[in-house]
Amino acid sequence: MPGGPDARRTQILDGLIRLAGRQGLHTASMRTVAAEAGVSLRLVQYYFETKEKLLVAGLEHLATLMTGRLTARLASADDREDPRTVIEAVLTEALPTDYESRVFHLVYTAYAVLAATDPVLAAQPFLRAPDEMERFLTGLLQTARSAGRLPASLDPAAEAALLLAVSAGLGTSVLLGQRASEEAMRLLHYHLDKLFSG
């Protein structure tokens, strides 16, 4: 089989993400994913057996794609040791500013909504990623506060939660067409400038 099993599996999962990003996760059946990926239904069934296993694998694939994008953004950051730079890179990646990040946000949001009534999806680690990100941002803010770059009275954990809420709200407003991605970026930078000016 050309490309081997890993390549075929990735081809199917890429098809799932494309389909869900274009038409919604609710349209993803084993048959529609097979058509999108350009493979046979039997091949999808061979690799994933059930729709539930396909959806779980799709969520894991989405996590891998997001991790790759974030790693690349951090690698290209001017100063990877600077908390402000890292926070800005993380929150910028969390905004739907291009086709790939828009698809990611649409599909991730669809998974999150589905997980509200699906215990198997709800148990997947990637849907708990905001908790990990909150802890990560808290650590960066603690470092910045210790270095005197933030007010001593600032609560890093509370500010981390607020930063993620601001980012999520801006991302949703872009997805819904309420503001352009450039405006969302400007507002994010405005908030960080105020935070780090103290």
N, C-alpha and C. Protein backbone atom coordinates (compact mmCIF):
# COMPACT_ATOMS: atom_id res chain seq x y z
N MET A 1 0.86 -1.19 0.00
CA MET A 1 0.00 0.00 0.00
C MET A 1 0.89 1.24 0.00
N PRO A 2 0.81 2.10 -1.00
CA PRO A 2 1.69 3.27 -1.11
C PRO A 2 1.60 4.14 0.13
N GLY A 3 2.79 4.52 0.63
CA GLY A 3 2.82 5.41 1.78
C GLY A 3 2.77 4.69 3.10
N GLY A 4 2.36 3.45 3.13
CA GLY A 4 2.34 2.68 4.37
C GLY A 4 1.13 3.00 5.23
N PRO A 5 0.93 2.20 6.30
CA PRO A 5 -0.26 2.35 7.14
C PRO A 5 -0.34 3.69 7.87
N ASP A 6 0.79 4.22 8.34
CA ASP A 6 0.75 5.50 9.04
C ASP A 6 0.30 6.62 8.11
N ALA A 7 0.80 6.59 6.88
CA ALA A 7 0.43 7.61 5.90
C ALA A 7 -1.05 7.51 5.55
N ARG A 8 -1.56 6.29 5.41
CA ARG A 8 -2.99 6.11 5.10
C ARG A 8 -3.85 6.58 6.26
N ARG A 9 -3.44 6.26 7.46
CA ARG A 9 -4.19 6.67 8.65
C ARG A 9 -4.23 8.20 8.73
N THR A 10 -3.09 8.83 8.51
CA THR A 10 -3.03 10.29 8.52
C THR A 10 -3.88 10.89 7.41
N GLN A 11 -3.87 10.27 6.24
CA GLN A 11 -4.68 10.74 5.12
C GLN A 11 -6.17 10.73 5.49
N ILE A 12 -6.60 9.71 6.18
CA ILE A 12 -8.00 9.61 6.60
C ILE A 12 -8.32 10.67 7.64
N LEU A 13 -7.43 10.84 8.61
CA LEU A 13 -7.67 11.82 9.67
C LEU A 13 -7.63 13.25 9.14
N ASP A 14 -6.74 13.51 8.18
CA ASP A 14 -6.73 14.82 7.53
C ASP A 14 -8.06 15.06 6.82
N GLY A 15 -8.58 14.02 6.21
CA GLY A 15 -9.89 14.13 5.55
C GLY A 15 -10.98 14.46 6.54
N LEU A 16 -10.95 13.82 7.71
CA LEU A 16 -11.94 14.10 8.75
C LEU A 16 -11.87 15.56 9.18
N ILE A 17 -10.66 16.07 9.42
CA ILE A 17 -10.51 17.46 9.86
C ILE A 17 -10.99 18.43 8.78
N ARG A 18 -10.62 18.17 7.53
CA ARG A 18 -11.07 19.05 6.43
C ARG A 18 -12.59 19.06 6.33
N LEU A 19 -13.18 17.88 6.37
CA LEU A 19 -14.64 17.77 6.24
C LEU A 19 -15.34 18.49 7.40
N ALA A 20 -14.86 18.24 8.62
CA ALA A 20 -15.48 18.85 9.79
C ALA A 20 -15.30 20.37 9.76
N GLY A 21 -14.16 20.84 9.27
CA GLY A 21 -13.92 22.28 9.20
C GLY A 21 -14.79 22.96 8.15
N ARG A 22 -15.13 22.23 7.10
CA ARG A 22 -15.91 22.80 6.00
C ARG A 22 -17.42 22.65 6.21
N GLN A 23 -17.85 21.49 6.72
CA GLN A 23 -19.28 21.20 6.80
C GLN A 23 -19.78 20.92 8.21
N GLY A 24 -18.87 20.86 9.17
CA GLY A 24 -19.27 20.58 10.55
C GLY A 24 -18.98 19.14 10.93
N LEU A 25 -18.65 18.94 12.19
CA LEU A 25 -18.33 17.60 12.68
C LEU A 25 -19.53 16.66 12.58
N HIS A 26 -20.73 17.22 12.65
CA HIS A 26 -21.94 16.39 12.58
C HIS A 26 -22.09 15.69 11.22
N THR A 27 -21.40 16.16 10.20
CA THR A 27 -21.51 15.53 8.87
C THR A 27 -20.49 14.40 8.69
N ALA A 28 -19.62 14.21 9.69
CA ALA A 28 -18.55 13.22 9.55
C ALA A 28 -19.04 11.82 9.90
N SER A 29 -19.28 11.03 8.88
CA SER A 29 -19.55 9.61 9.04
C SER A 29 -18.36 8.87 8.43
N MET A 30 -18.29 7.59 8.63
CA MET A 30 -17.19 6.84 8.05
C MET A 30 -17.23 6.94 6.52
N ARG A 31 -18.42 6.98 5.96
CA ARG A 31 -18.56 7.07 4.51
C ARG A 31 -18.14 8.45 3.98
N THR A 32 -18.60 9.52 4.65
CA THR A 32 -18.24 10.86 4.15
C THR A 32 -16.75 11.15 4.35
N VAL A 33 -16.18 10.64 5.42
CA VAL A 33 -14.74 10.82 5.64
C VAL A 33 -13.95 10.05 4.59
N ALA A 34 -14.40 8.85 4.26
CA ALA A 34 -13.72 8.07 3.21
C ALA A 34 -13.73 8.83 1.89
N ALA A 35 -14.88 9.41 1.56
CA ALA A 35 -14.99 10.17 0.30
C ALA A 35 -14.07 11.39 0.33
N GLU A 36 -14.03 12.09 1.45
CA GLU A 36 -13.19 13.28 1.57
C GLU A 36 -11.71 12.92 1.48
N ALA A 37 -11.35 11.79 2.08
CA ALA A 37 -9.94 11.37 2.10
C ALA A 37 -9.52 10.68 0.81
N GLY A 38 -10.50 10.34 -0.03
CA GLY A 38 -10.18 9.66 -1.29
C GLY A 38 -9.77 8.22 -1.10
N VAL A 39 -10.38 7.56 -0.11
CA VAL A 39 -10.09 6.14 0.14
C VAL A 39 -11.42 5.38 0.21
N SER A 40 -11.33 4.09 0.29
CA SER A 40 -12.55 3.29 0.37
C SER A 40 -13.11 3.28 1.78
N LEU A 41 -14.41 3.06 1.88
CA LEU A 41 -15.06 2.93 3.18
C LEU A 41 -14.44 1.78 3.96
N ARG A 42 -14.11 0.71 3.28
CA ARG A 42 -13.52 -0.46 3.96
C ARG A 42 -12.18 -0.11 4.59
N LEU A 43 -11.43 0.77 3.96
CA LEU A 43 -10.14 1.15 4.52
C LEU A 43 -10.34 1.95 5.82
N VAL A 44 -11.32 2.85 5.83
CA VAL A 44 -11.62 3.60 7.06
C VAL A 44 -12.05 2.64 8.15
N GLN A 45 -12.90 1.68 7.81
CA GLN A 45 -13.36 0.70 8.79
C GLN A 45 -12.20 -0.18 9.29
N TYR A 46 -11.26 -0.47 8.42
CA TYR A 46 -10.10 -1.29 8.79
C TYR A 46 -9.26 -0.57 9.85
N TYR A 47 -9.01 0.72 9.64
CA TYR A 47 -8.15 1.46 10.56
C TYR A 47 -8.86 1.87 11.84
N PHE A 48 -10.16 2.15 11.77
CA PHE A 48 -10.83 2.76 12.92
C PHE A 48 -12.00 1.95 13.48
N GLU A 49 -12.49 0.97 12.76
CA GLU A 49 -13.53 0.03 13.22
C GLU A 49 -14.89 0.68 13.45
N THR A 50 -14.95 1.75 14.25
CA THR A 50 -16.22 2.40 14.55
C THR A 50 -16.09 3.91 14.38
N LYS A 51 -17.23 4.57 14.25
CA LYS A 51 -17.23 6.02 14.14
C LYS A 51 -16.65 6.65 15.41
N GLU A 52 -16.97 6.08 16.56
CA GLU A 52 -16.46 6.62 17.81
C GLU A 52 -14.93 6.60 17.84
N LYS A 53 -14.34 5.49 17.42
CA LYS A 53 -12.88 5.40 17.38
C LYS A 53 -12.29 6.38 16.37
N LEU A 54 -13.00 6.58 15.28
CA LEU A 54 -12.55 7.55 14.28
C LEU A 54 -12.56 8.96 14.86
N LEU A 55 -13.62 9.32 15.58
CA LEU A 55 -13.71 10.65 16.17
C LEU A 55 -12.65 10.87 17.25
N VAL A 56 -12.40 9.86 18.06
CA VAL A 56 -11.36 9.98 19.09
C VAL A 56 -9.99 10.17 18.44
N ALA A 57 -9.72 9.38 17.40
CA ALA A 57 -8.45 9.51 16.69
C ALA A 57 -8.35 10.88 16.02
N GLY A 58 -9.47 11.39 15.53
CA GLY A 58 -9.48 12.73 14.92
C GLY A 58 -9.13 13.80 15.93
N LEU A 59 -9.62 13.66 17.15
CA LEU A 59 -9.30 14.63 18.19
C LEU A 59 -7.81 14.57 18.54
N GLU A 60 -7.27 13.37 18.62
CA GLU A 60 -5.83 13.21 18.89
C GLU A 60 -5.00 13.83 17.75
N HIS A 61 -5.48 13.64 16.52
CA HIS A 61 -4.78 14.21 15.36
C HIS A 61 -4.83 15.74 15.41
N LEU A 62 -5.96 16.28 15.81
CA LEU A 62 -6.10 17.73 15.95
C LEU A 62 -5.10 18.25 16.98
N ALA A 63 -4.93 17.52 18.08
CA ALA A 63 -3.97 17.91 19.11
C ALA A 63 -2.55 17.93 18.55
N THR A 64 -2.22 16.92 17.75
CA THR A 64 -0.88 16.84 17.15
C THR A 64 -0.63 18.02 16.22
N LEU A 65 -1.64 18.35 15.41
CA LEU A 65 -1.51 19.49 14.49
C LEU A 65 -1.31 20.80 15.25
N MET A 66 -2.10 20.98 16.31
CA MET A 66 -2.00 22.20 17.10
C MET A 66 -0.64 22.30 17.79
N THR A 67 -0.17 21.20 18.34
CA THR A 67 1.13 21.19 19.00
C THR A 67 2.23 21.56 18.01
N GLY A 68 2.14 21.04 16.80
CA GLY A 68 3.13 21.35 15.77
C GLY A 68 3.14 22.82 15.43
N ARG A 69 1.97 23.42 15.28
CA ARG A 69 1.88 24.85 14.96
C ARG A 69 2.43 25.71 16.10
N LEU A 70 2.07 25.35 17.33
CA LEU A 70 2.54 26.13 18.48
C LEU A 70 4.05 26.00 18.64
N THR A 71 4.57 24.80 18.45
CA THR A 71 6.01 24.58 18.56
C THR A 71 6.76 25.42 17.52
N ALA A 72 6.23 25.44 16.30
CA ALA A 72 6.86 26.22 15.23
C ALA A 72 6.81 27.71 15.56
N ARG A 73 5.70 28.17 16.09
CA ARG A 73 5.58 29.60 16.42
C ARG A 73 6.56 29.98 17.54
N LEU A 74 6.67 29.12 18.55
CA LEU A 74 7.59 29.40 19.65
C LEU A 74 9.04 29.35 19.17
N ALA A 75 9.33 28.42 18.25
CA ALA A 75 10.70 28.31 17.73
C ALA A 75 11.11 29.55 16.96
N SER A 76 10.14 30.24 16.36
CA SER A 76 10.46 31.43 15.57
C SER A 76 10.35 32.72 16.39
N ALA A 77 10.00 32.59 17.68
CA ALA A 77 9.87 33.77 18.54
C ALA A 77 11.23 34.44 18.73
N ASP A 78 11.23 35.75 18.88
CA ASP A 78 12.47 36.51 19.03
C ASP A 78 13.24 36.11 20.29
N ASP A 79 12.54 35.95 21.40
CA ASP A 79 13.19 35.62 22.67
C ASP A 79 12.35 34.57 23.39
N ARG A 80 12.73 33.31 23.25
CA ARG A 80 11.94 32.22 23.82
C ARG A 80 12.07 32.13 25.34
N GLU A 81 12.96 32.94 25.92
CA GLU A 81 13.10 32.95 27.38
C GLU A 81 12.27 34.05 28.02
N ASP A 82 11.73 34.94 27.20
CA ASP A 82 10.96 36.08 27.71
C ASP A 82 9.50 35.69 27.91
N PRO A 83 8.98 35.77 29.15
CA PRO A 83 7.59 35.37 29.40
C PRO A 83 6.57 36.09 28.53
N ARG A 84 6.74 37.39 28.33
CA ARG A 84 5.80 38.15 27.50
C ARG A 84 5.78 37.61 26.07
N THR A 85 6.96 37.33 25.53
CA THR A 85 7.06 36.82 24.16
C THR A 85 6.37 35.47 24.03
N VAL A 86 6.58 34.61 25.00
CA VAL A 86 5.97 33.27 24.96
C VAL A 86 4.46 33.36 25.11
N ILE A 87 4.01 34.18 26.05
CA ILE A 87 2.56 34.34 26.26
C ILE A 87 1.91 34.87 24.98
N GLU A 88 2.54 35.85 24.36
CA GLU A 88 2.00 36.42 23.13
C GLU A 88 1.94 35.37 22.02
N ALA A 89 2.99 34.56 21.92
CA ALA A 89 3.01 33.51 20.89
C ALA A 89 1.90 32.50 21.10
N VAL A 90 1.70 32.09 22.35
CA VAL A 90 0.66 31.11 22.68
C VAL A 90 -0.72 31.66 22.37
N LEU A 91 -0.98 32.88 22.81
CA LEU A 91 -2.31 33.46 22.62
C LEU A 91 -2.57 33.83 21.16
N THR A 92 -1.52 34.20 20.43
CA THR A 92 -1.68 34.47 19.00
C THR A 92 -2.05 33.20 18.26
N GLU A 93 -1.42 32.09 18.62
CA GLU A 93 -1.73 30.81 17.98
C GLU A 93 -3.16 30.39 18.30
N ALA A 94 -3.69 30.88 19.41
CA ALA A 94 -5.05 30.53 19.82
C ALA A 94 -6.11 31.33 19.07
N LEU A 95 -5.69 32.24 18.19
CA LEU A 95 -6.66 33.01 17.40
C LEU A 95 -6.76 32.45 15.98
N PRO A 96 -7.96 32.43 15.41
CA PRO A 96 -8.12 31.96 14.03
C PRO A 96 -7.70 33.03 13.02
N THR A 97 -6.41 33.07 12.72
CA THR A 97 -5.88 34.13 11.87
C THR A 97 -5.59 33.68 10.44
N ASP A 98 -5.67 32.38 10.16
CA ASP A 98 -5.46 31.87 8.81
C ASP A 98 -6.35 30.65 8.61
N TYR A 99 -6.28 30.07 7.42
CA TYR A 99 -7.18 28.94 7.10
C TYR A 99 -7.01 27.78 8.08
N GLU A 100 -5.76 27.39 8.34
CA GLU A 100 -5.53 26.24 9.20
C GLU A 100 -6.00 26.48 10.63
N SER A 101 -5.70 27.67 11.16
CA SER A 101 -6.13 27.93 12.54
C SER A 101 -7.65 28.11 12.62
N ARG A 102 -8.26 28.60 11.55
CA ARG A 102 -9.72 28.71 11.54
C ARG A 102 -10.36 27.33 11.57
N VAL A 103 -9.84 26.42 10.75
CA VAL A 103 -10.34 25.05 10.75
C VAL A 103 -10.15 24.42 12.13
N PHE A 104 -8.97 24.62 12.71
CA PHE A 104 -8.71 24.06 14.04
C PHE A 104 -9.76 24.54 15.04
N HIS A 105 -10.02 25.85 15.07
CA HIS A 105 -10.96 26.39 16.05
C HIS A 105 -12.38 25.89 15.82
N LEU A 106 -12.79 25.82 14.59
CA LEU A 106 -14.13 25.31 14.29
C LEU A 106 -14.28 23.86 14.74
N VAL A 107 -13.29 23.04 14.42
CA VAL A 107 -13.38 21.61 14.73
C VAL A 107 -13.22 21.38 16.22
N TYR A 108 -12.28 22.08 16.85
CA TYR A 108 -12.10 21.92 18.30
C TYR A 108 -13.38 22.31 19.05
N THR A 109 -13.99 23.42 18.64
CA THR A 109 -15.23 23.86 19.28
C THR A 109 -16.33 22.83 19.10
N ALA A 110 -16.41 22.25 17.89
CA ALA A 110 -17.42 21.22 17.64
C ALA A 110 -17.19 19.99 18.54
N TYR A 111 -15.95 19.61 18.70
CA TYR A 111 -15.62 18.49 19.60
C TYR A 111 -16.02 18.83 21.03
N ALA A 112 -15.71 20.04 21.48
CA ALA A 112 -16.02 20.44 22.85
C ALA A 112 -17.51 20.39 23.11
N VAL A 113 -18.31 20.85 22.14
CA VAL A 113 -19.77 20.81 22.29
C VAL A 113 -20.25 19.36 22.32
N LEU A 114 -19.72 18.53 21.44
CA LEU A 114 -20.11 17.12 21.41
C LEU A 114 -19.73 16.42 22.71
N ALA A 115 -18.58 16.79 23.28
CA ALA A 115 -18.11 16.16 24.51
C ALA A 115 -19.02 16.45 25.71
N ALA A 116 -19.82 17.51 25.61
CA ALA A 116 -20.73 17.84 26.70
C ALA A 116 -21.75 16.73 26.94
N THR A 117 -22.03 15.92 25.91
CA THR A 117 -23.00 14.83 26.05
C THR A 117 -22.40 13.47 25.69
N ASP A 118 -21.10 13.43 25.44
CA ASP A 118 -20.43 12.18 25.06
C ASP A 118 -19.29 11.92 26.04
N PRO A 119 -19.49 10.99 27.00
CA PRO A 119 -18.46 10.77 28.03
C PRO A 119 -17.13 10.25 27.48
N VAL A 120 -17.15 9.53 26.37
CA VAL A 120 -15.91 9.03 25.79
C VAL A 120 -15.06 10.19 25.30
N LEU A 121 -15.67 11.12 24.58
CA LEU A 121 -14.94 12.30 24.12
C LEU A 121 -14.55 13.20 25.29
N ALA A 122 -15.44 13.33 26.25
CA ALA A 122 -15.16 14.20 27.41
C ALA A 122 -13.92 13.73 28.18
N ALA A 123 -13.63 12.44 28.10
CA ALA A 123 -12.48 11.89 28.83
C ALA A 123 -11.15 12.07 28.10
N GLN A 124 -11.19 12.58 26.87
CA GLN A 124 -9.96 12.71 26.09
C GLN A 124 -9.09 13.85 26.62
N PRO A 125 -7.79 13.59 26.78
CA PRO A 125 -6.88 14.59 27.38
C PRO A 125 -6.88 15.94 26.67
N PHE A 126 -7.00 15.95 25.34
CA PHE A 126 -6.89 17.22 24.61
C PHE A 126 -8.01 18.19 24.97
N LEU A 127 -9.16 17.67 25.36
CA LEU A 127 -10.25 18.57 25.74
C LEU A 127 -10.03 19.16 27.13
N ARG A 128 -9.00 18.66 27.83
CA ARG A 128 -8.62 19.27 29.10
C ARG A 128 -7.39 20.16 28.93
N ALA A 129 -6.98 20.36 27.68
CA ALA A 129 -5.80 21.17 27.39
C ALA A 129 -5.89 22.59 27.95
N PRO A 130 -7.08 23.23 27.97
CA PRO A 130 -7.13 24.58 28.56
C PRO A 130 -6.64 24.62 30.00
N ASP A 131 -6.88 23.54 30.77
CA ASP A 131 -6.39 23.50 32.15
C ASP A 131 -4.87 23.51 32.17
N GLU A 132 -4.26 22.71 31.29
CA GLU A 132 -2.80 22.68 31.20
C GLU A 132 -2.25 24.03 30.74
N MET A 133 -2.92 24.63 29.78
CA MET A 133 -2.48 25.94 29.28
C MET A 133 -2.59 27.00 30.37
N GLU A 134 -3.64 26.90 31.18
CA GLU A 134 -3.80 27.86 32.27
C GLU A 134 -2.64 27.73 33.26
N ARG A 135 -2.25 26.50 33.56
CA ARG A 135 -1.12 26.29 34.48
C ARG A 135 0.18 26.81 33.85
N PHE A 136 0.33 26.58 32.55
CA PHE A 136 1.53 27.04 31.84
C PHE A 136 1.63 28.56 31.88
N LEU A 137 0.53 29.23 31.56
CA LEU A 137 0.52 30.70 31.58
C LEU A 137 0.72 31.23 33.00
N THR A 138 0.16 30.55 33.98
CA THR A 138 0.35 30.96 35.37
C THR A 138 1.83 30.96 35.72
N GLY A 139 2.55 29.92 35.30
CA GLY A 139 3.98 29.85 35.56
C GLY A 139 4.75 30.99 34.90
N LEU A 140 4.38 31.30 33.66
CA LEU A 140 5.05 32.41 32.96
C LEU A 140 4.78 33.74 33.65
N LEU A 141 3.55 33.94 34.10
CA LEU A 141 3.20 35.18 34.78
C LEU A 141 3.90 35.28 36.14
N GLN A 142 4.05 34.16 36.82
CA GLN A 142 4.78 34.15 38.09
C GLN A 142 6.24 34.56 37.86
N THR A 143 6.83 34.03 36.79
CA THR A 143 8.21 34.37 36.45
C THR A 143 8.34 35.86 36.15
N ALA A 144 7.40 36.39 35.38
CA ALA A 144 7.43 37.82 35.03
C ALA A 144 7.23 38.68 36.28
N ARG A 145 6.35 38.26 37.16
CA ARG A 145 6.11 39.04 38.40
C ARG A 145 7.36 39.04 39.28
N SER A 146 8.00 37.87 39.39
CA SER A 146 9.23 37.76 40.20
C SER A 146 10.35 38.65 39.65
N ALA A 147 10.33 38.84 38.32
CA ALA A 147 11.35 39.68 37.68
C ALA A 147 10.99 41.16 37.72
N GLY A 148 9.86 41.48 38.35
CA GLY A 148 9.45 42.87 38.48
C GLY A 148 8.79 43.44 37.24
N ARG A 149 8.38 42.57 36.32
CA ARG A 149 7.77 43.06 35.08
C ARG A 149 6.25 43.16 35.18
N LEU A 150 5.72 42.65 36.28
CA LEU A 150 4.29 42.74 36.54
C LEU A 150 4.11 43.26 37.97
N PRO A 151 2.98 43.89 38.27
CA PRO A 151 2.76 44.38 39.63
C PRO A 151 2.81 43.24 40.65
N ALA A 152 3.37 43.53 41.81
CA ALA A 152 3.48 42.51 42.85
C ALA A 152 2.12 42.01 43.31
N SER A 153 1.09 42.86 43.15
CA SER A 153 -0.25 42.49 43.60
C SER A 153 -0.99 41.59 42.61
N LEU A 154 -0.42 41.40 41.43
CA LEU A 154 -1.10 40.61 40.40
C LEU A 154 -1.22 39.15 40.82
N ASP A 155 -2.37 38.56 40.61
CA ASP A 155 -2.61 37.14 40.88
C ASP A 155 -2.37 36.37 39.58
N PRO A 156 -1.24 35.66 39.45
CA PRO A 156 -0.92 34.99 38.19
C PRO A 156 -1.98 33.98 37.73
N ALA A 157 -2.54 33.22 38.67
CA ALA A 157 -3.53 32.22 38.29
C ALA A 157 -4.80 32.88 37.76
N ALA A 158 -5.24 33.93 38.42
CA ALA A 158 -6.44 34.64 37.96
C ALA A 158 -6.19 35.30 36.62
N GLU A 159 -5.01 35.90 36.45
CA GLU A 159 -4.71 36.58 35.19
C GLU A 159 -4.59 35.57 34.05
N ALA A 160 -4.03 34.39 34.32
CA ALA A 160 -3.93 33.35 33.29
C ALA A 160 -5.32 32.93 32.81
N ALA A 161 -6.24 32.76 33.77
CA ALA A 161 -7.61 32.40 33.41
C ALA A 161 -8.25 33.49 32.57
N LEU A 162 -8.01 34.75 32.95
CA LEU A 162 -8.59 35.87 32.20
C LEU A 162 -7.99 35.97 30.80
N LEU A 163 -6.69 35.75 30.68
CA LEU A 163 -6.05 35.80 29.36
C LEU A 163 -6.65 34.76 28.42
N LEU A 164 -6.86 33.56 28.93
CA LEU A 164 -7.46 32.51 28.09
C LEU A 164 -8.90 32.85 27.73
N ALA A 165 -9.62 33.45 28.67
CA ALA A 165 -11.00 33.84 28.38
C ALA A 165 -11.05 34.94 27.32
N VAL A 166 -10.14 35.91 27.43
CA VAL A 166 -10.06 36.98 26.43
C VAL A 166 -9.74 36.39 25.06
N SER A 167 -8.75 35.49 25.03
CA SER A 167 -8.35 34.87 23.77
C SER A 167 -9.50 34.08 23.16
N ALA A 168 -10.18 33.29 23.98
CA ALA A 168 -11.30 32.48 23.47
C ALA A 168 -12.43 33.37 22.95
N GLY A 169 -12.73 34.44 23.68
CA GLY A 169 -13.78 35.35 23.24
C GLY A 169 -13.43 36.05 21.94
N LEU A 170 -12.18 36.48 21.82
CA LEU A 170 -11.75 37.12 20.57
C LEU A 170 -11.80 36.12 19.42
N GLY A 171 -11.36 34.89 19.68
CA GLY A 171 -11.40 33.86 18.64
C GLY A 171 -12.81 33.60 18.14
N THR A 172 -13.75 33.51 19.07
CA THR A 172 -15.15 33.29 18.69
C THR A 172 -15.69 34.46 17.88
N SER A 173 -15.31 35.66 18.27
CA SER A 173 -15.80 36.84 17.53
C SER A 173 -15.26 36.86 16.10
N VAL A 174 -14.04 36.35 15.91
CA VAL A 174 -13.50 36.26 14.55
C VAL A 174 -14.25 35.20 13.76
N LEU A 175 -14.47 34.03 14.37
CA LEU A 175 -15.19 32.95 13.68
C LEU A 175 -16.58 33.38 13.25
N LEU A 176 -17.23 34.18 14.07
CA LEU A 176 -18.60 34.62 13.78
C LEU A 176 -18.66 35.85 12.89
N GLY A 177 -17.48 36.37 12.50
CA GLY A 177 -17.45 37.52 11.61
C GLY A 177 -17.73 38.85 12.30
N GLN A 178 -17.65 38.88 13.62
CA GLN A 178 -17.91 40.12 14.34
C GLN A 178 -16.74 41.08 14.26
N ARG A 179 -15.54 40.53 14.08
CA ARG A 179 -14.36 41.38 13.90
C ARG A 179 -13.33 40.64 13.07
N ALA A 180 -12.46 41.38 12.42
CA ALA A 180 -11.40 40.78 11.62
C ALA A 180 -10.30 40.25 12.54
N SER A 181 -9.55 39.29 12.04
CA SER A 181 -8.47 38.72 12.85
C SER A 181 -7.44 39.78 13.22
N GLU A 182 -7.21 40.75 12.34
CA GLU A 182 -6.26 41.82 12.64
C GLU A 182 -6.71 42.65 13.84
N GLU A 183 -8.01 42.89 13.93
CA GLU A 183 -8.55 43.64 15.06
C GLU A 183 -8.44 42.82 16.34
N ALA A 184 -8.67 41.53 16.25
CA ALA A 184 -8.52 40.66 17.42
C ALA A 184 -7.07 40.67 17.91
N MET A 185 -6.13 40.64 16.97
CA MET A 185 -4.72 40.70 17.33
C MET A 185 -4.39 42.04 18.00
N ARG A 186 -4.93 43.11 17.47
CA ARG A 186 -4.68 44.43 18.05
C ARG A 186 -5.18 44.49 19.49
N LEU A 187 -6.37 43.95 19.72
CA LEU A 187 -6.94 43.95 21.06
C LEU A 187 -6.13 43.07 22.01
N LEU A 188 -5.64 41.95 21.52
CA LEU A 188 -4.81 41.08 22.35
C LEU A 188 -3.52 41.80 22.75
N HIS A 189 -2.87 42.45 21.78
CA HIS A 189 -1.64 43.20 22.08
C HIS A 189 -1.92 44.36 23.04
N TYR A 190 -3.06 45.01 22.86
CA TYR A 190 -3.45 46.10 23.76
C TYR A 190 -3.55 45.60 25.19
N HIS A 191 -4.18 44.44 25.37
CA HIS A 191 -4.34 43.89 26.72
C HIS A 191 -2.99 43.51 27.32
N LEU A 192 -2.12 42.87 26.51
CA LEU A 192 -0.81 42.48 27.03
C LEU A 192 0.06 43.70 27.33
N ASP A 193 -0.05 44.74 26.51
CA ASP A 193 0.71 45.97 26.75
C ASP A 193 0.30 46.59 28.11
N LYS A 194 -0.99 46.59 28.38
CA LYS A 194 -1.48 47.13 29.66
C LYS A 194 -0.99 46.26 30.82
N LEU A 195 -1.03 44.96 30.62
CA LEU A 195 -0.64 44.03 31.68
C LEU A 195 0.84 44.21 32.03
N PHE A 196 1.68 44.30 31.01
CA PHE A 196 3.12 44.35 31.22
C PHE A 196 3.65 45.77 31.41
N SER A 197 2.78 46.76 31.38
CA SER A 197 3.25 48.13 31.59
C SER A 197 3.34 48.45 33.08
N GLY A 198 2.73 47.59 33.90
CA GLY A 198 2.74 47.86 35.35
C GLY A 198 4.02 47.42 35.99
